Protein backbone atom coordinates (compact mmCIF):
# COMPACT_ATOMS: atom_id res chain seq x y z
CA UNK A 1 -87.38 -150.89 23.32
CA UNK A 2 -86.87 -147.87 24.96
CA UNK A 3 -84.08 -147.71 27.95
CA UNK A 4 -85.28 -147.91 31.66
CA UNK A 5 -84.40 -144.58 33.52
CA UNK A 6 -85.35 -144.97 37.54
CA UNK A 7 -87.12 -142.14 39.01
CA UNK A 8 -84.93 -138.72 39.07
CA UNK A 9 -85.43 -135.93 40.88
CA UNK A 10 -87.07 -132.79 39.63
CA UNK A 11 -85.72 -131.59 36.34
CA UNK A 12 -84.56 -134.55 35.33
CA UNK A 13 -84.95 -136.77 32.39
CA UNK A 14 -86.55 -140.04 33.31
CA UNK A 15 -88.96 -142.77 31.71
CA UNK A 16 -91.77 -140.77 32.16
CA UNK A 17 -90.80 -138.27 29.86
CA UNK A 18 -89.11 -140.06 27.50
CA UNK A 19 -92.76 -142.46 27.11
CA UNK A 20 -94.46 -139.15 26.45
CA UNK A 21 -91.87 -137.84 23.73
CA UNK A 22 -92.42 -141.43 21.73
CA UNK A 23 -95.65 -140.88 22.17
CA UNK A 24 -95.65 -137.39 21.10
CA UNK A 25 -93.72 -138.97 17.79
CA UNK A 26 -95.82 -142.01 16.74
CA UNK A 27 -99.11 -139.86 17.22
CA UNK A 28 -97.55 -137.19 14.24
CA UNK A 29 -97.38 -140.84 11.57
CA UNK A 30 -94.95 -142.91 10.72
CA UNK A 31 -91.09 -141.60 11.09
CA UNK A 32 -89.96 -144.42 9.24
CA UNK A 33 -89.59 -142.34 6.42
CA UNK A 34 -88.10 -138.82 7.41
CA UNK A 35 -85.92 -141.10 9.72
CA UNK A 36 -84.55 -142.99 6.59
CA UNK A 37 -84.51 -139.17 4.17
CA UNK A 38 -82.88 -137.59 7.10
CA UNK A 39 -80.27 -139.95 8.66
CA UNK A 40 -78.75 -140.98 5.03
CA UNK A 41 -79.16 -136.99 3.09
CA UNK A 42 -77.48 -133.25 3.64
CA UNK A 43 -80.43 -131.91 5.97
CA UNK A 44 -79.83 -128.24 3.82
CA UNK A 45 -80.47 -130.20 0.46
CA UNK A 46 -83.71 -131.41 2.11
CA UNK A 47 -85.09 -128.65 3.12
CA UNK A 48 -84.47 -126.52 -0.31
CA UNK A 49 -87.60 -124.43 -0.61
CA UNK A 50 -87.24 -124.97 -4.74
CA UNK A 51 -91.11 -123.24 -5.02
CA UNK A 52 -89.12 -120.02 -3.67
CA UNK A 53 -86.13 -120.41 -5.41
CA UNK A 54 -88.00 -120.43 -8.64
CA UNK A 55 -89.05 -116.91 -7.76
CA UNK A 56 -85.32 -115.91 -8.22
CA UNK A 57 -83.57 -113.92 -11.03
CA UNK A 58 -80.34 -112.31 -11.51
CA UNK A 59 -81.70 -109.03 -12.88
CA UNK A 60 -79.97 -105.71 -10.74
CA UNK A 61 -81.24 -102.32 -12.28
CA UNK A 62 -78.44 -100.24 -10.54
CA UNK A 63 -75.04 -101.64 -10.26
CA UNK A 64 -71.53 -101.24 -10.26
CA UNK A 65 -68.38 -102.07 -11.73
CA UNK A 66 -66.27 -104.69 -9.98
CA UNK A 67 -62.25 -104.36 -10.09
CA UNK A 68 -62.21 -108.55 -9.36
CA UNK A 69 -63.28 -111.15 -7.19
CA UNK A 70 -60.70 -111.85 -4.45
CA UNK A 71 -60.32 -115.19 -2.32
CA UNK A 72 -59.53 -114.96 1.04
CA UNK A 73 -59.33 -118.93 1.34
CA UNK A 74 -58.33 -120.49 4.94
CA UNK A 75 -58.09 -116.93 6.91
CA UNK A 76 -60.50 -115.31 8.52
CA UNK A 77 -59.85 -111.82 6.39
CA UNK A 78 -63.13 -111.32 5.31
CA UNK A 79 -63.12 -107.38 6.61
CA UNK A 80 -60.10 -106.70 5.32
CA UNK A 81 -60.73 -108.03 1.77
CA UNK A 82 -64.35 -106.56 2.07
CA UNK A 83 -62.34 -103.14 2.85
CA UNK A 84 -60.32 -103.48 -0.52
CA UNK A 85 -62.88 -103.92 -2.37
CA UNK A 86 -64.63 -100.56 -1.25
CA UNK A 87 -61.06 -99.00 -2.37
CA UNK A 88 -59.96 -101.12 -5.59
CA UNK A 89 -63.10 -100.05 -8.09
CA UNK A 90 -62.59 -96.65 -8.09
CA UNK A 91 -58.43 -97.05 -8.30
CA UNK A 92 -58.94 -99.87 -11.17
CA UNK A 93 -60.72 -96.85 -12.88
CA UNK A 94 -58.81 -93.93 -12.25
CA UNK A 95 -55.52 -96.49 -13.38
CA UNK A 96 -57.29 -97.58 -16.46
CA UNK A 97 -57.58 -101.27 -15.81
CA UNK A 98 -60.32 -103.37 -15.80
CA UNK A 99 -59.16 -105.64 -12.63
CA UNK A 100 -57.03 -104.43 -10.09
CA UNK A 101 -55.89 -106.49 -6.64
CA UNK A 102 -54.14 -104.39 -3.80
CA UNK A 103 -52.03 -106.51 -1.05
CA UNK A 104 -54.21 -108.38 1.77
CA UNK A 105 -50.93 -110.15 2.76
CA UNK A 106 -49.58 -106.76 3.44
CA UNK A 107 -51.97 -105.30 5.83
CA UNK A 108 -52.50 -108.79 7.73
CA UNK A 109 -48.70 -108.36 8.88
CA UNK A 110 -49.01 -105.12 10.10
CA UNK A 111 -52.46 -106.42 11.62
CA UNK A 112 -51.01 -108.99 13.39
CA UNK A 113 -47.85 -106.85 14.34
CA UNK A 114 -50.56 -104.30 15.96
CA UNK A 115 -52.85 -106.86 17.95
CA UNK A 116 -49.60 -108.27 19.56
CA UNK A 117 -48.43 -105.20 20.78
CA UNK A 118 -52.09 -104.52 21.41
CA UNK A 119 -52.83 -107.53 23.37
CA UNK A 120 -48.63 -107.14 25.58
CA UNK A 121 -49.98 -103.38 26.77
CA UNK A 122 -53.45 -104.77 27.92
CA UNK A 123 -51.85 -107.20 29.93
CA UNK A 124 -49.62 -104.72 31.57
CA UNK A 125 -52.74 -102.52 32.41
CA UNK A 126 -54.53 -105.38 33.73
CA UNK A 127 -51.45 -106.98 35.51
CA UNK A 128 -53.39 -106.55 38.73
CA UNK A 129 -56.18 -107.96 37.94
CA UNK A 130 -56.80 -111.46 39.37
CA UNK A 131 -56.45 -114.48 36.18
CA UNK A 132 -60.40 -115.18 36.40
CA UNK A 133 -61.14 -111.30 35.79
CA UNK A 134 -64.12 -111.17 33.23
CA UNK A 135 -61.96 -108.36 31.10
CA UNK A 136 -58.56 -110.40 31.06
CA UNK A 137 -60.39 -113.28 30.12
CA UNK A 138 -61.22 -112.20 27.00
CA UNK A 139 -58.38 -110.80 25.80
CA UNK A 140 -56.87 -113.64 26.12
CA UNK A 141 -58.86 -115.48 24.42
CA UNK A 142 -57.81 -114.35 20.76
CA UNK A 143 -54.88 -112.44 21.19
CA UNK A 144 -53.96 -112.50 17.48
CA UNK A 145 -56.60 -113.66 15.38
CA UNK A 146 -57.48 -112.94 11.72
CA UNK A 147 -60.99 -110.95 12.49
CA UNK A 148 -60.81 -107.56 12.30
CA UNK A 149 -63.51 -104.84 11.43
CA UNK A 150 -64.08 -101.43 8.95
CA UNK A 151 -62.02 -99.39 11.79
CA UNK A 152 -59.09 -101.34 11.52
CA UNK A 153 -58.84 -101.70 8.16
CA UNK A 154 -59.41 -97.49 8.17
CA UNK A 155 -56.59 -97.47 10.71
CA UNK A 156 -54.10 -99.64 9.07
CA UNK A 157 -54.63 -97.88 5.72
CA UNK A 158 -53.57 -94.67 7.43
CA UNK A 159 -50.97 -95.55 9.21
CA UNK A 160 -49.35 -98.22 6.68
CA UNK A 161 -50.47 -97.09 3.78
CA UNK A 162 -51.21 -99.91 0.80
CA UNK A 163 -49.00 -101.77 -1.84
CA UNK A 164 -50.36 -103.91 -4.99
CA UNK A 165 -50.66 -107.58 -4.47
CA UNK A 166 -47.61 -107.88 -7.10
CA UNK A 167 -45.17 -106.16 -4.38
CA UNK A 168 -46.59 -108.68 -1.51
CA UNK A 169 -48.37 -111.49 -3.05
CA UNK A 170 -50.58 -114.28 -0.75
CA UNK A 171 -48.08 -117.19 0.95
CA UNK A 172 -48.94 -120.61 1.85
CA UNK A 173 -49.23 -119.29 5.57
CA UNK A 174 -50.82 -115.96 5.27
CA UNK A 175 -54.22 -117.65 3.01
CA UNK A 176 -54.14 -120.50 5.64
CA UNK A 177 -53.47 -119.20 9.17
CA UNK A 178 -54.33 -121.95 11.66
CA UNK A 179 -51.01 -122.55 12.15
CA UNK A 180 -49.66 -119.18 12.13
CA UNK A 181 -52.23 -118.19 14.57
CA UNK A 182 -51.82 -121.25 17.60
CA UNK A 183 -47.74 -120.67 17.27
CA UNK A 184 -48.18 -116.56 17.65
CA UNK A 185 -51.18 -117.13 20.43
CA UNK A 186 -49.16 -119.56 22.00
CA UNK A 187 -46.06 -117.53 22.43
CA UNK A 188 -48.29 -114.21 23.57
CA UNK A 189 -49.89 -116.12 26.18
CA UNK A 190 -46.10 -116.97 27.35
CA UNK A 191 -45.54 -113.51 26.92
CA UNK A 192 -48.47 -113.03 29.12
CA UNK A 193 -47.26 -114.74 31.87
CA UNK A 194 -43.58 -113.24 32.00
CA UNK A 195 -45.55 -109.72 31.89
CA UNK A 196 -47.71 -110.83 35.14
CA UNK A 197 -44.85 -112.44 37.09
CA UNK A 198 -42.93 -109.38 36.82
CA UNK A 199 -46.10 -107.14 37.91
CA UNK A 200 -45.94 -110.08 40.93
CA UNK A 201 -42.07 -109.11 41.64
CA UNK A 202 -43.08 -105.15 42.11
CA UNK A 203 -41.01 -104.37 38.51
CA UNK A 204 -42.06 -101.05 37.43
CA UNK A 205 -44.52 -100.60 34.81
CA UNK A 206 -41.27 -98.99 32.46
CA UNK A 207 -39.63 -102.21 32.71
CA UNK A 208 -43.12 -104.02 31.30
CA UNK A 209 -43.19 -102.23 28.54
CA UNK A 210 -39.18 -102.32 27.93
CA UNK A 211 -39.97 -106.31 27.88
CA UNK A 212 -42.65 -106.23 25.95
CA UNK A 213 -40.88 -104.35 23.19
CA UNK A 214 -38.42 -107.16 22.86
CA UNK A 215 -41.15 -109.63 23.05
CA UNK A 216 -42.48 -107.91 19.76
CA UNK A 217 -39.17 -108.81 17.76
CA UNK A 218 -40.33 -112.28 18.07
CA UNK A 219 -43.37 -111.84 17.01
CA UNK A 220 -42.29 -109.67 13.80
CA UNK A 221 -39.75 -112.29 13.34
CA UNK A 222 -42.35 -115.06 13.06
CA UNK A 223 -44.73 -112.49 10.67
CA UNK A 224 -41.63 -112.32 8.61
CA UNK A 225 -41.31 -116.00 8.17
CA UNK A 226 -44.45 -116.52 7.36
CA UNK A 227 -45.61 -113.42 5.44
CA UNK A 228 -42.53 -112.42 4.09
CA UNK A 229 -40.83 -108.95 4.32
CA UNK A 230 -43.32 -106.40 4.12
CA UNK A 231 -41.87 -103.90 1.49
CA UNK A 232 -40.55 -100.52 2.16
CA UNK A 233 -40.79 -99.08 -1.27
CA UNK A 234 -41.94 -100.79 -4.37
CA UNK A 235 -42.19 -100.38 -8.23
CA UNK A 236 -44.70 -100.95 -10.33
CA UNK A 237 -45.34 -101.36 -14.09
CA UNK A 238 -48.64 -101.73 -15.71
CA UNK A 239 -50.12 -101.17 -19.03
CA UNK A 240 -54.09 -99.28 -19.05
CA UNK A 241 -56.31 -101.70 -20.77
CA UNK A 242 -59.23 -99.22 -20.31
CA UNK A 243 -60.16 -95.86 -22.65
CA UNK A 244 -61.57 -92.64 -20.66
CA UNK A 245 -64.81 -91.81 -21.26
CA UNK A 246 -63.94 -88.83 -23.62
CA UNK A 247 -61.54 -90.31 -25.65
CA UNK A 248 -62.87 -90.03 -29.30
CA UNK A 249 -62.69 -93.03 -31.63
CA UNK A 250 -60.75 -90.84 -33.76
CA UNK A 251 -60.38 -87.52 -35.54
CA UNK A 252 -62.60 -87.50 -38.43
CA UNK A 253 -65.60 -85.56 -36.66
CA UNK A 254 -63.26 -82.35 -37.55
CA UNK A 255 -63.05 -83.20 -41.19
CA UNK A 256 -65.52 -82.48 -43.51
CA UNK A 257 -65.96 -85.64 -46.46
CA UNK A 258 -63.92 -85.09 -49.36
CA UNK A 259 -61.00 -83.40 -47.65
CA UNK A 260 -57.40 -84.77 -48.56
CA UNK A 261 -55.46 -86.47 -46.03
CA UNK A 262 -51.96 -87.32 -45.95
CA UNK A 263 -51.65 -91.24 -46.23
CA UNK A 264 -48.54 -91.40 -44.76
CA UNK A 265 -48.81 -88.60 -42.03
CA UNK A 266 -51.93 -90.87 -40.87
CA UNK A 267 -50.03 -94.28 -40.80
CA UNK A 268 -47.34 -92.62 -38.75
CA UNK A 269 -50.20 -91.43 -36.16
CA UNK A 270 -51.67 -94.68 -36.31
CA UNK A 271 -48.49 -96.35 -35.74
CA UNK A 272 -47.64 -93.99 -32.71
CA UNK A 273 -51.37 -94.81 -31.48
CA UNK A 274 -50.80 -98.18 -31.55
CA UNK A 275 -47.84 -98.44 -29.27
CA UNK A 276 -48.93 -99.83 -25.91
CA UNK A 277 -48.74 -96.97 -22.86
CA UNK A 278 -46.88 -98.67 -20.49
CA UNK A 279 -46.99 -96.74 -16.57
CA UNK A 280 -43.82 -97.47 -14.47
CA UNK A 281 -43.21 -95.52 -10.83
CA UNK A 282 -41.70 -95.90 -7.80
CA UNK A 283 -43.47 -96.03 -4.37
CA UNK A 284 -43.50 -95.85 -0.90
CA UNK A 285 -46.77 -98.06 0.68
CA UNK A 286 -47.48 -94.52 2.20
CA UNK A 287 -46.83 -92.53 -1.12
CA UNK A 288 -49.17 -94.97 -2.94
CA UNK A 289 -51.98 -94.68 -0.60
CA UNK A 290 -51.61 -90.54 -0.81
CA UNK A 291 -51.49 -90.47 -4.60
CA UNK A 292 -54.74 -92.86 -5.25
CA UNK A 293 -56.35 -92.16 -2.04
CA UNK A 294 -55.41 -89.57 0.76
CA UNK A 295 -57.04 -86.79 -0.29
CA UNK A 296 -60.13 -88.06 -1.37
CA UNK A 297 -61.04 -91.11 0.94
CA UNK A 298 -64.34 -89.99 2.93
CA UNK A 299 -65.01 -90.35 6.64
CA UNK A 300 -67.15 -93.23 7.26
CA UNK A 301 -69.67 -94.14 10.17
CA UNK A 302 -70.67 -97.27 11.20
CA UNK A 303 -74.34 -98.09 11.63
CA UNK A 304 -75.68 -101.04 13.09
CA UNK A 305 -79.24 -102.66 13.80
CA UNK A 306 -79.38 -104.20 17.01
CA UNK A 307 -82.87 -104.23 18.41
CA UNK A 308 -82.32 -105.12 21.85
CA UNK A 309 -80.88 -101.89 22.24
CA UNK A 310 -82.68 -98.46 22.04
CA UNK A 311 -82.32 -96.69 18.82
CA UNK A 312 -80.74 -93.51 17.73
CA UNK A 313 -78.26 -93.94 20.48
CA UNK A 314 -74.51 -94.10 19.61
CA UNK A 315 -72.26 -96.90 21.60
CA UNK A 316 -68.71 -97.01 21.95
CA UNK A 317 -67.46 -100.62 22.55
CA UNK A 318 -64.71 -100.73 25.44
CA UNK A 319 -61.02 -102.06 24.18
CA UNK A 320 -62.52 -102.82 20.54
CA UNK A 321 -59.71 -101.66 18.28
CA UNK A 322 -56.29 -103.27 16.97
CA UNK A 323 -54.40 -100.88 17.69
CA UNK A 324 -52.62 -99.63 20.98
CA UNK A 325 -53.13 -95.30 19.92
CA UNK A 326 -56.71 -96.12 18.04
CA UNK A 327 -59.70 -95.20 19.63
CA UNK A 328 -62.61 -98.02 20.63
CA UNK A 329 -64.93 -98.54 17.98
CA UNK A 330 -68.55 -96.46 18.21
CA UNK A 331 -71.61 -97.20 16.12
CA UNK A 332 -74.76 -95.79 15.88
CA UNK A 333 -78.01 -97.74 16.33
CA UNK A 334 -80.35 -97.37 13.90
CA UNK A 335 -83.71 -99.53 12.49
CA UNK A 336 -82.76 -101.63 9.43
CA UNK A 337 -84.85 -99.33 7.14
CA UNK A 338 -82.42 -96.27 7.62
CA UNK A 339 -79.48 -99.23 7.04
CA UNK A 340 -80.95 -99.68 3.49
CA UNK A 341 -81.67 -96.02 3.02
CA UNK A 342 -78.49 -95.07 3.29
CA UNK A 343 -77.06 -98.27 1.36
CA UNK A 344 -79.26 -97.55 -1.56
CA UNK A 345 -78.68 -93.94 -1.20
CA UNK A 346 -74.85 -94.77 -1.28
CA UNK A 347 -75.19 -97.12 -4.20
CA UNK A 348 -76.88 -95.05 -6.41
CA UNK A 349 -74.05 -91.88 -6.02
CA UNK A 350 -71.79 -95.08 -7.18
CA UNK A 351 -70.00 -96.26 -3.57
CA UNK A 352 -69.69 -99.47 -2.56
CA UNK A 353 -70.95 -100.55 0.72
CA UNK A 354 -69.26 -102.56 3.06
CA UNK A 355 -71.55 -104.40 5.68
CA UNK A 356 -71.81 -107.52 8.35
CA UNK A 357 -74.01 -110.32 8.58
CA UNK A 358 -74.65 -113.61 9.63
CA UNK A 359 -73.17 -115.92 6.33
CA UNK A 360 -74.60 -118.81 7.55
CA UNK A 361 -78.01 -118.45 7.46
CA UNK A 362 -80.11 -119.12 4.67
CA UNK A 363 -77.58 -119.08 2.17
CA UNK A 364 -78.01 -121.21 -0.87
CA UNK A 365 -74.71 -120.71 -1.96
CA UNK A 366 -74.91 -123.02 -5.00
CA UNK A 367 -76.42 -120.28 -7.18
CA UNK A 368 -75.17 -117.17 -4.39
CA UNK A 369 -78.74 -116.58 -2.98
CA UNK A 370 -79.39 -114.97 0.22
CA UNK A 371 -83.00 -115.70 0.77
CA UNK A 372 -85.25 -115.82 3.88
CA UNK A 373 -87.38 -119.01 3.67
CA UNK A 374 -84.74 -120.67 0.99
CA UNK A 375 -84.17 -123.45 3.18
CA UNK A 376 -87.88 -124.85 5.10
CA UNK A 377 -86.71 -126.84 8.22
CA UNK A 378 -90.16 -126.04 9.33
CA UNK A 379 -91.41 -128.55 6.48
CA UNK A 380 -88.37 -131.40 6.98
CA UNK A 381 -88.94 -131.06 10.85
CA UNK A 382 -92.50 -130.41 11.40
CA UNK A 383 -91.82 -127.72 13.80
CA UNK A 384 -91.38 -124.36 14.20
CA UNK A 385 -87.88 -122.71 13.86
CA UNK A 386 -89.00 -119.14 13.66
CA UNK A 387 -87.34 -116.41 15.83
CA UNK A 388 -87.56 -112.92 16.05
CA UNK A 389 -84.19 -110.61 15.08
CA UNK A 390 -84.66 -109.29 18.83
CA UNK A 391 -84.48 -112.96 20.24
CA UNK A 392 -81.69 -113.97 17.83
CA UNK A 393 -79.24 -111.33 18.66
CA UNK A 394 -80.30 -111.64 22.37
CA UNK A 395 -79.76 -115.29 22.37
CA UNK A 396 -76.85 -115.77 20.51
CA UNK A 397 -78.64 -117.48 17.60
CA UNK A 398 -76.98 -115.04 14.79
CA UNK A 399 -74.07 -112.71 14.83
CA UNK A 400 -72.13 -110.32 12.80
CA UNK A 401 -69.21 -113.33 11.42
CA UNK A 402 -68.75 -112.46 7.95
CA UNK A 403 -67.90 -108.84 6.14
CA UNK A 404 -68.63 -108.64 2.17
CA UNK A 405 -69.83 -105.46 0.15
CA UNK A 406 -72.83 -104.17 -1.64
CA UNK A 407 -72.33 -103.70 -5.65
CA UNK A 408 -75.53 -103.06 -6.63
CA UNK A 409 -79.37 -102.64 -5.94
CA UNK A 410 -82.34 -104.02 -7.47
CA UNK A 411 -85.59 -101.60 -7.31
CA UNK A 412 -88.83 -101.74 -7.54
CA UNK A 413 -90.91 -98.87 -9.69
CA UNK A 414 -91.28 -96.89 -6.29
CA UNK A 415 -87.76 -97.10 -5.74
CA UNK A 416 -87.68 -99.59 -2.61
CA UNK A 417 -85.01 -102.40 -2.79
CA UNK A 418 -86.29 -106.07 -4.09
CA UNK A 419 -82.46 -107.55 -3.92
CA UNK A 420 -79.16 -106.50 -3.33
CA UNK A 421 -75.63 -107.84 -5.26
CA UNK A 422 -73.43 -108.95 -3.24
CA UNK A 423 -69.56 -109.15 -4.26
CA UNK A 424 -68.33 -111.73 -2.07
CA UNK A 425 -64.26 -112.97 -1.07
CA UNK A 426 -64.49 -116.37 -1.31
CA UNK A 427 -63.55 -116.62 -5.10
CA UNK A 428 -64.97 -117.12 -8.19
CA UNK A 429 -65.69 -120.98 -7.86
CA UNK A 430 -68.42 -119.73 -5.13
CA UNK A 431 -71.97 -118.20 -5.58
CA UNK A 432 -72.68 -116.33 -9.11
CA UNK A 433 -68.72 -116.57 -9.90
CA UNK A 434 -68.00 -114.82 -6.77
CA UNK A 435 -71.30 -112.95 -6.14
CA UNK A 436 -73.90 -113.49 -4.50
CA UNK A 437 -78.14 -112.11 -4.90
CA UNK A 438 -79.33 -110.98 -1.28
CA UNK A 439 -83.37 -110.31 -1.21
CA UNK A 440 -84.65 -107.51 1.27
CA UNK A 441 -86.16 -109.83 3.66
CA UNK A 442 -82.82 -111.49 4.18
CA UNK A 443 -81.21 -108.22 4.39
CA UNK A 444 -83.74 -107.07 7.42
CA UNK A 445 -83.22 -110.15 9.13
CA UNK A 446 -79.42 -111.11 8.96
CA UNK A 447 -77.63 -107.78 8.41
CA UNK A 448 -76.37 -106.30 11.69
CA UNK A 449 -73.68 -103.29 10.49
CA UNK A 450 -73.66 -100.94 7.43
CA UNK A 451 -70.07 -98.61 7.02
CA UNK A 452 -71.41 -95.56 5.21
CA UNK A 453 -70.11 -92.15 4.35
CA UNK A 454 -70.17 -89.51 6.39
CA UNK A 455 -71.18 -87.10 3.58
CA UNK A 456 -74.22 -89.48 3.02
CA UNK A 457 -75.77 -88.97 6.10
CA UNK A 458 -79.16 -86.74 6.99
CA UNK A 459 -79.12 -83.73 9.68
CA UNK A 460 -81.44 -86.34 12.25
CA UNK A 461 -78.65 -88.61 12.15
CA UNK A 462 -75.90 -86.77 11.80
CA UNK A 463 -77.26 -85.13 15.27
CA UNK A 464 -76.95 -88.48 16.80
CA UNK A 465 -73.23 -89.10 15.45
CA UNK A 466 -72.51 -85.64 17.65
CA UNK A 467 -73.44 -87.03 20.98
CA UNK A 468 -71.40 -88.18 23.63
CA UNK A 469 -71.33 -92.62 23.22
CA UNK A 470 -72.70 -94.26 25.69
CA UNK A 471 -69.91 -97.01 27.09
CA UNK A 472 -70.87 -100.77 26.57
CA UNK A 473 -68.47 -102.95 28.09
CA UNK A 474 -66.84 -105.94 26.20
CA UNK A 475 -68.78 -108.33 27.02
CA UNK A 476 -72.60 -107.33 26.11
CA UNK A 477 -73.55 -110.42 23.34
CA UNK A 478 -74.07 -108.51 20.16
CA UNK A 479 -70.87 -105.82 20.93
CA UNK A 480 -68.73 -109.08 21.91
CA UNK A 481 -69.42 -110.50 18.50
CA UNK A 482 -67.92 -107.21 17.17
CA UNK A 483 -64.65 -107.96 18.33
CA UNK A 484 -64.29 -111.18 16.81
CA UNK A 485 -65.55 -110.76 13.09
């Protein structure tokens, strides 16, 4: 029996509407089967489009070599893991290693230290604003969260260098940051209250900043207790496992058949060749970065596909950084086909591509497949869930909430992309041993940002990058999401 709801003012749910909705439900047939099915099963499992799934294959005709699948575990450091996944394949090749991993924990330590400093500086800057000021509320929302962007990563490695994971391995807290973030956030918000009270008490800015410096000492202590001491020097010792492409298998090509060879000398040479090559060196984080990356790291630019904004326009998002001295995030808005064009171009030039997307949409994780329509919710519920990308962004249905890297592309005979090989940072037990296959229609709908070597850019877009960017308020829906990856 339906609930009896008395008459209500216009706009409320009343008995008339409830009866109308029940009739609409019954007109579609007996709902018992669907009620039983949906209430007792996983909705994704019920909605899996097996006909579409059968069209999937794992062939990728252009792929790059990975330096190993990584695992961010219970942390929001996807942007950082993806950043390192851009750097490590080339590093592993140069070191003649099949796998190599840099320390995400080391860089995360300094990221949180920088975020804490920026937060307190923002509190000082906004000290005369009321507590309900829109920008101040955004600042207070996440003082020291895990999220970030490529330019966060690039700024950190430029300032602090990098270290191998052996020099600063993961800890219980670095790989599961929830409690650490809660404690540090509470401490920082307490500091914010104190700084604002100092402003009310007519203390000068230099006094607030001096107190801020002391406050950061507590944050540093919390980070050392949870991450360990960040190394200032370290020794790296390893045995190369890969051969140079130019290495000859033997010197026999220099000999004519029948030449006499001294067996004793040959044995001595073979003994010498069989000895493992052990490389050992001492570095600082800065010297390691400079030796392996400093002179060769490309200049990268950010491209986004946001159909709610004008294409061909350069935007700068206010207060979108993790370091006080860093410039705010600048991003060029382009049609999605241009993001694809530059991604293909980079991959064919052996460059890994960092990108951000809405990973929660149409993601069949059991087999590592991103494919539009892989879950057919329309059929399950008998209604249309379709939204345009413009509407998804404008009404907050999608956001760039995860970063990964493109490691390959499968192209048709005319060179157009069919699907993309994606390396994730969720460990090798998820997806296809840590990889995903992203179909091109999924790229169109859910990829929102790519990071491209500026050297790959063509003149038309280079000219756009030379223009003065338009400022965007930090509370703009799409760009607000860019602060929280």
